[in-house]
Amino acid sequence: MSRFAPEIEIAIARMRDEVTQLHRELTRYGLVIWTGGNVSGRVPGVELFVIKPSGVSYDDLAPENMILCDLAGEVVGSTPGSDRSPSSDTAAHAYVYREMPEVGGIVHTHSTYATAWAARGEPIPCVITGMADEFGGEIPVGPFAIIGDDSIGRGIVETLRGHRSRAVLMQNHGPFTIGKNARDAVKAAVMCEDVARTIHLARQLGDPLPIPQHRIDALFDRYQNVYGQAPQGELQ
């Protein structure tokens, strides 16, 4: 007998499938190695999320071994995958979902260039227009925190609450990204690594030219609110 209403079971199944598919994007874009990194997605309409199991090869990930957790970070028993241990970042993800109800997806990677900036404890400055579009300014650095409890989650929330960036570089650790859904968070992870690499290369050539704040604001507003939208009166 199912422990959830049919519509919730459908939503959980869809999220299991989506999160499985999105992990393939991390390998596709070279953001992870071995079994590191993770994607999670909030199940719409209920206080649950789906996350990757710990220590499982990306090639072996499947909807049935994704793990369903509540917002306390506890595995929901007697559900597919519940015999496995969830990602070691589960407590951090759960904390973010509890504290930031607008967040529908979270991603963590150790992507090379973004992690290099995190190792220096240095924010990535907003010196290219694509970064202004995506992040609305610099990508900030979060505090040093140890994996295993909700300390990382607290650092993510402390840094990103009220900030336009969907990415944070946790000091000496690596990037975490948030999004309105899991796919949006994966996009932020891909773009975070891209700008980390580009701006690193720019600094090897000299001092990158700053973008005035009013230009950053205008670029962010246009990309977030106008770009890709149909003209007024047309079907979208």
Protein backbone atom coordinates (compact mmCIF):
# COMPACT_ATOMS: atom_id res chain seq x y z
CA MET A 1 0.00 0.00 0.00
CA SER A 2 1.33 3.41 -0.96
CA ARG A 3 2.13 5.79 1.89
CA PHE A 4 1.36 8.87 -0.25
CA ALA A 5 -1.65 10.08 -2.21
CA PRO A 6 -1.54 9.09 -5.90
CA GLU A 7 -0.75 12.62 -7.09
CA ILE A 8 2.20 12.82 -4.69
CA GLU A 9 3.48 9.43 -5.83
CA ILE A 10 3.41 10.72 -9.41
CA ALA A 11 5.29 13.87 -8.40
CA ILE A 12 7.91 11.81 -6.56
CA ALA A 13 8.37 9.49 -9.53
CA ARG A 14 8.82 12.43 -11.87
CA MET A 15 11.39 14.00 -9.57
CA ARG A 16 13.31 10.73 -9.28
CA ASP A 17 13.52 10.57 -13.06
CA GLU A 18 14.44 14.25 -13.45
CA VAL A 19 17.18 14.16 -10.83
CA THR A 20 18.63 11.01 -12.39
CA GLN A 21 18.73 12.66 -15.81
CA LEU A 22 20.25 15.87 -14.45
CA HIS A 23 23.19 14.04 -12.90
CA ARG A 24 24.18 13.13 -16.46
CA GLU A 25 24.49 16.85 -17.20
CA LEU A 26 27.16 17.12 -14.50
CA THR A 27 29.29 14.49 -16.23
CA ARG A 28 28.45 15.89 -19.69
CA TYR A 29 29.88 19.28 -18.75
CA GLY A 30 32.83 17.86 -16.81
CA LEU A 31 31.75 19.26 -13.46
CA VAL A 32 32.36 16.09 -11.40
CA ILE A 33 34.74 13.17 -11.12
CA TRP A 34 34.26 9.70 -9.65
CA THR A 35 31.21 9.80 -7.35
CA GLY A 36 31.58 13.37 -6.11
CA GLY A 37 28.88 16.00 -6.47
CA ASN A 38 25.12 15.79 -6.28
CA VAL A 39 21.81 17.15 -7.51
CA SER A 40 18.63 17.33 -5.47
CA GLY A 41 15.12 18.42 -6.34
CA ARG A 42 12.20 19.47 -4.16
CA VAL A 43 9.02 17.48 -4.76
CA PRO A 44 6.28 20.00 -5.60
CA GLY A 45 3.39 20.21 -3.16
CA VAL A 46 4.98 18.28 -0.29
CA GLU A 47 7.88 18.70 2.15
CA LEU A 48 10.12 16.13 0.48
CA PHE A 49 13.13 16.14 -1.82
CA VAL A 50 15.01 13.60 -3.92
CA ILE A 51 18.81 13.33 -3.78
CA LYS A 52 21.61 11.13 -5.07
CA PRO A 53 22.78 8.15 -2.99
CA SER A 54 26.27 8.31 -1.51
CA GLY A 55 29.18 6.61 -3.24
CA VAL A 56 27.28 5.35 -6.28
CA SER A 57 28.86 5.64 -9.74
CA TYR A 58 27.15 8.10 -12.07
CA ASP A 59 26.79 5.27 -14.60
CA ASP A 60 24.76 3.30 -12.05
CA LEU A 61 22.35 6.04 -11.04
CA ALA A 62 18.70 5.25 -11.75
CA PRO A 63 15.33 6.57 -10.56
CA GLU A 64 14.88 3.58 -8.26
CA ASN A 65 18.09 4.24 -6.33
CA MET A 66 17.52 7.96 -5.84
CA ILE A 67 16.71 8.65 -2.21
CA LEU A 68 13.59 10.37 -0.90
CA CYS A 69 14.13 12.57 2.16
CA ASP A 70 12.02 14.83 4.30
CA LEU A 71 13.01 18.41 5.06
CA ALA A 72 14.70 17.30 8.28
CA GLY A 73 17.13 15.40 6.04
CA GLU A 74 15.82 12.02 7.12
CA VAL A 75 15.42 9.20 4.60
CA VAL A 76 11.78 8.23 4.09
CA GLY A 77 11.70 4.57 4.98
CA SER A 78 10.19 1.79 2.86
CA THR A 79 10.66 3.80 -0.34
CA PRO A 80 12.90 2.90 -3.29
CA GLY A 81 16.54 3.55 -2.45
CA SER A 82 15.91 3.85 1.29
CA ASP A 83 18.28 0.96 1.99
CA ARG A 84 21.18 3.14 0.83
CA SER A 85 22.88 6.08 2.49
CA PRO A 86 22.00 9.46 1.01
CA SER A 87 24.61 11.95 -0.18
CA SER A 88 26.84 13.27 2.58
CA ASP A 89 25.51 16.74 1.69
CA THR A 90 21.92 15.79 2.49
CA ALA A 91 21.75 17.78 5.75
CA ALA A 92 23.00 20.88 3.91
CA HIS A 93 20.39 20.49 1.16
CA ALA A 94 17.62 19.95 3.73
CA TYR A 95 18.60 23.11 5.62
CA VAL A 96 18.47 25.20 2.44
CA TYR A 97 15.04 23.80 1.51
CA ARG A 98 13.71 24.55 5.01
CA GLU A 99 15.06 28.09 5.11
CA MET A 100 14.51 29.11 1.47
CA PRO A 101 11.10 27.85 0.33
CA GLU A 102 11.59 29.49 -3.07
CA VAL A 103 14.43 27.06 -3.84
CA GLY A 104 13.38 24.00 -5.83
CA GLY A 105 16.77 22.51 -6.65
CA ILE A 106 20.34 22.41 -5.32
CA VAL A 107 23.59 21.29 -6.94
CA HIS A 108 27.05 20.72 -5.55
CA THR A 109 30.17 20.05 -7.61
CA HIS A 110 33.92 20.27 -7.25
CA SER A 111 34.30 21.72 -10.75
CA THR A 112 37.92 22.68 -11.32
CA TYR A 113 37.94 26.42 -11.89
CA ALA A 114 35.14 27.35 -9.48
CA THR A 115 36.80 25.23 -6.78
CA ALA A 116 40.11 26.98 -7.47
CA TRP A 117 38.43 30.32 -6.71
CA ALA A 118 36.93 28.75 -3.56
CA ALA A 119 40.39 27.56 -2.51
CA ARG A 120 41.58 31.17 -2.66
CA GLY A 121 38.51 32.36 -0.78
CA GLU A 122 37.97 34.91 -3.53
CA PRO A 123 34.64 35.97 -5.07
CA ILE A 124 34.42 35.76 -8.86
CA PRO A 125 34.07 39.38 -10.04
CA CYS A 126 31.36 40.30 -12.52
CA VAL A 127 33.40 41.44 -15.49
CA ILE A 128 31.57 39.79 -18.40
CA THR A 129 28.03 40.50 -19.57
CA GLY A 130 26.99 36.84 -19.49
CA MET A 131 27.78 36.76 -15.79
CA ALA A 132 25.71 39.89 -15.21
CA ASP A 133 22.85 38.17 -17.03
CA GLU A 134 23.00 34.95 -15.03
CA PHE A 135 24.15 36.02 -11.59
CA GLY A 136 23.47 39.74 -11.35
CA GLY A 137 26.90 40.47 -9.93
CA GLU A 138 29.82 38.65 -8.37
CA ILE A 139 29.66 35.03 -7.22
CA PRO A 140 30.27 35.31 -3.48
CA VAL A 141 32.34 33.19 -1.12
CA GLY A 142 30.65 31.37 1.75
CA PRO A 143 32.27 30.48 5.07
CA PHE A 144 34.47 27.48 5.72
CA ALA A 145 32.28 24.61 6.92
CA ILE A 146 32.75 20.89 7.46
CA ILE A 147 30.65 18.33 5.61
CA GLY A 148 28.30 16.04 7.53
CA ASP A 149 25.81 18.29 9.31
CA ASP A 150 23.88 21.40 8.30
CA SER A 151 26.86 23.77 8.66
CA ILE A 152 27.31 24.04 4.92
CA GLY A 153 23.60 24.66 4.47
CA ARG A 154 23.75 27.45 7.02
CA GLY A 155 26.65 29.02 5.14
CA ILE A 156 24.78 28.79 1.84
CA VAL A 157 21.69 30.46 3.25
CA GLU A 158 23.70 33.09 5.11
CA THR A 159 25.53 34.01 1.91
CA LEU A 160 22.79 33.77 -0.72
CA ARG A 161 19.74 35.03 1.14
CA GLY A 162 19.02 38.43 -0.38
CA HIS A 163 21.79 37.98 -2.96
CA ARG A 164 21.07 37.81 -6.70
CA SER A 165 23.64 35.09 -7.32
CA ARG A 166 22.39 31.51 -7.57
CA ALA A 167 25.92 30.26 -6.85
CA VAL A 168 28.17 30.40 -3.82
CA LEU A 169 31.78 29.27 -3.48
CA MET A 170 32.07 27.58 -0.12
CA GLN A 171 35.57 28.42 1.07
CA ASN A 172 38.14 25.64 0.55
CA HIS A 173 35.35 23.35 -0.68
CA GLY A 174 33.61 24.23 -3.92
CA PRO A 175 30.50 25.63 -5.55
CA PHE A 176 26.89 25.10 -4.51
CA THR A 177 24.09 26.42 -6.69
CA ILE A 178 20.37 26.90 -6.13
CA GLY A 179 17.50 27.34 -8.54
CA LYS A 180 13.75 27.59 -8.89
CA ASN A 181 13.91 23.90 -9.81
CA ALA A 182 16.61 21.26 -10.16
CA ARG A 183 17.27 22.03 -13.83
CA ASP A 184 17.74 25.71 -13.05
CA ALA A 185 20.26 24.82 -10.34
CA VAL A 186 22.18 22.62 -12.81
CA LYS A 187 22.25 25.47 -15.32
CA ALA A 188 23.68 27.72 -12.61
CA ALA A 189 26.40 25.12 -11.88
CA VAL A 190 27.34 24.91 -15.55
CA MET A 191 27.46 28.70 -15.90
CA CYS A 192 29.37 29.11 -12.64
CA GLU A 193 32.19 26.92 -13.91
CA ASP A 194 32.15 28.64 -17.28
CA VAL A 195 32.59 32.13 -15.85
CA ALA A 196 35.14 30.89 -13.30
CA ARG A 197 37.27 29.56 -16.17
CA THR A 198 36.81 32.58 -18.43
CA ILE A 199 37.63 35.15 -15.78
CA HIS A 200 40.62 33.14 -14.57
CA LEU A 201 41.97 33.19 -18.13
CA ALA A 202 41.24 36.91 -18.46
CA ARG A 203 43.32 37.60 -15.35
CA GLN A 204 46.27 35.76 -16.87
CA LEU A 205 46.23 38.35 -19.65
CA GLY A 206 45.88 41.40 -17.41
CA ASP A 207 43.33 43.19 -15.28
CA PRO A 208 39.74 42.55 -16.43
CA LEU A 209 37.75 45.70 -17.09
CA PRO A 210 34.97 46.30 -14.55
CA ILE A 211 31.34 46.72 -15.61
CA PRO A 212 29.56 49.67 -13.98
CA GLN A 213 26.94 48.58 -11.46
CA HIS A 214 24.08 50.25 -13.33
CA ARG A 215 25.02 48.25 -16.42
CA ILE A 216 25.07 45.02 -14.42
CA ASP A 217 21.64 45.86 -13.01
CA ALA A 218 20.23 46.57 -16.48
CA LEU A 219 21.70 43.40 -17.98
CA PHE A 220 20.35 41.26 -15.15
CA ASP A 221 16.89 42.80 -15.37
CA ARG A 222 16.71 42.33 -19.13
CA TYR A 223 17.91 38.73 -19.07
CA GLN A 224 15.69 37.70 -16.18
CA ASN A 225 12.55 39.56 -17.18
CA VAL A 226 12.64 40.27 -20.92
CA TYR A 227 14.99 37.88 -22.71
CA GLY A 228 13.15 34.97 -24.32
CA GLN A 229 9.72 36.49 -23.72
CA ALA A 230 7.29 36.97 -26.58
CA PRO A 231 6.29 40.55 -27.46
CA GLN A 232 3.28 41.83 -25.55
CA GLY A 233 0.07 40.47 -27.01
CA GLU A 234 1.67 37.39 -28.56
CA LEU A 235 1.41 33.85 -27.31
CA GLN A 236 4.38 32.73 -25.21
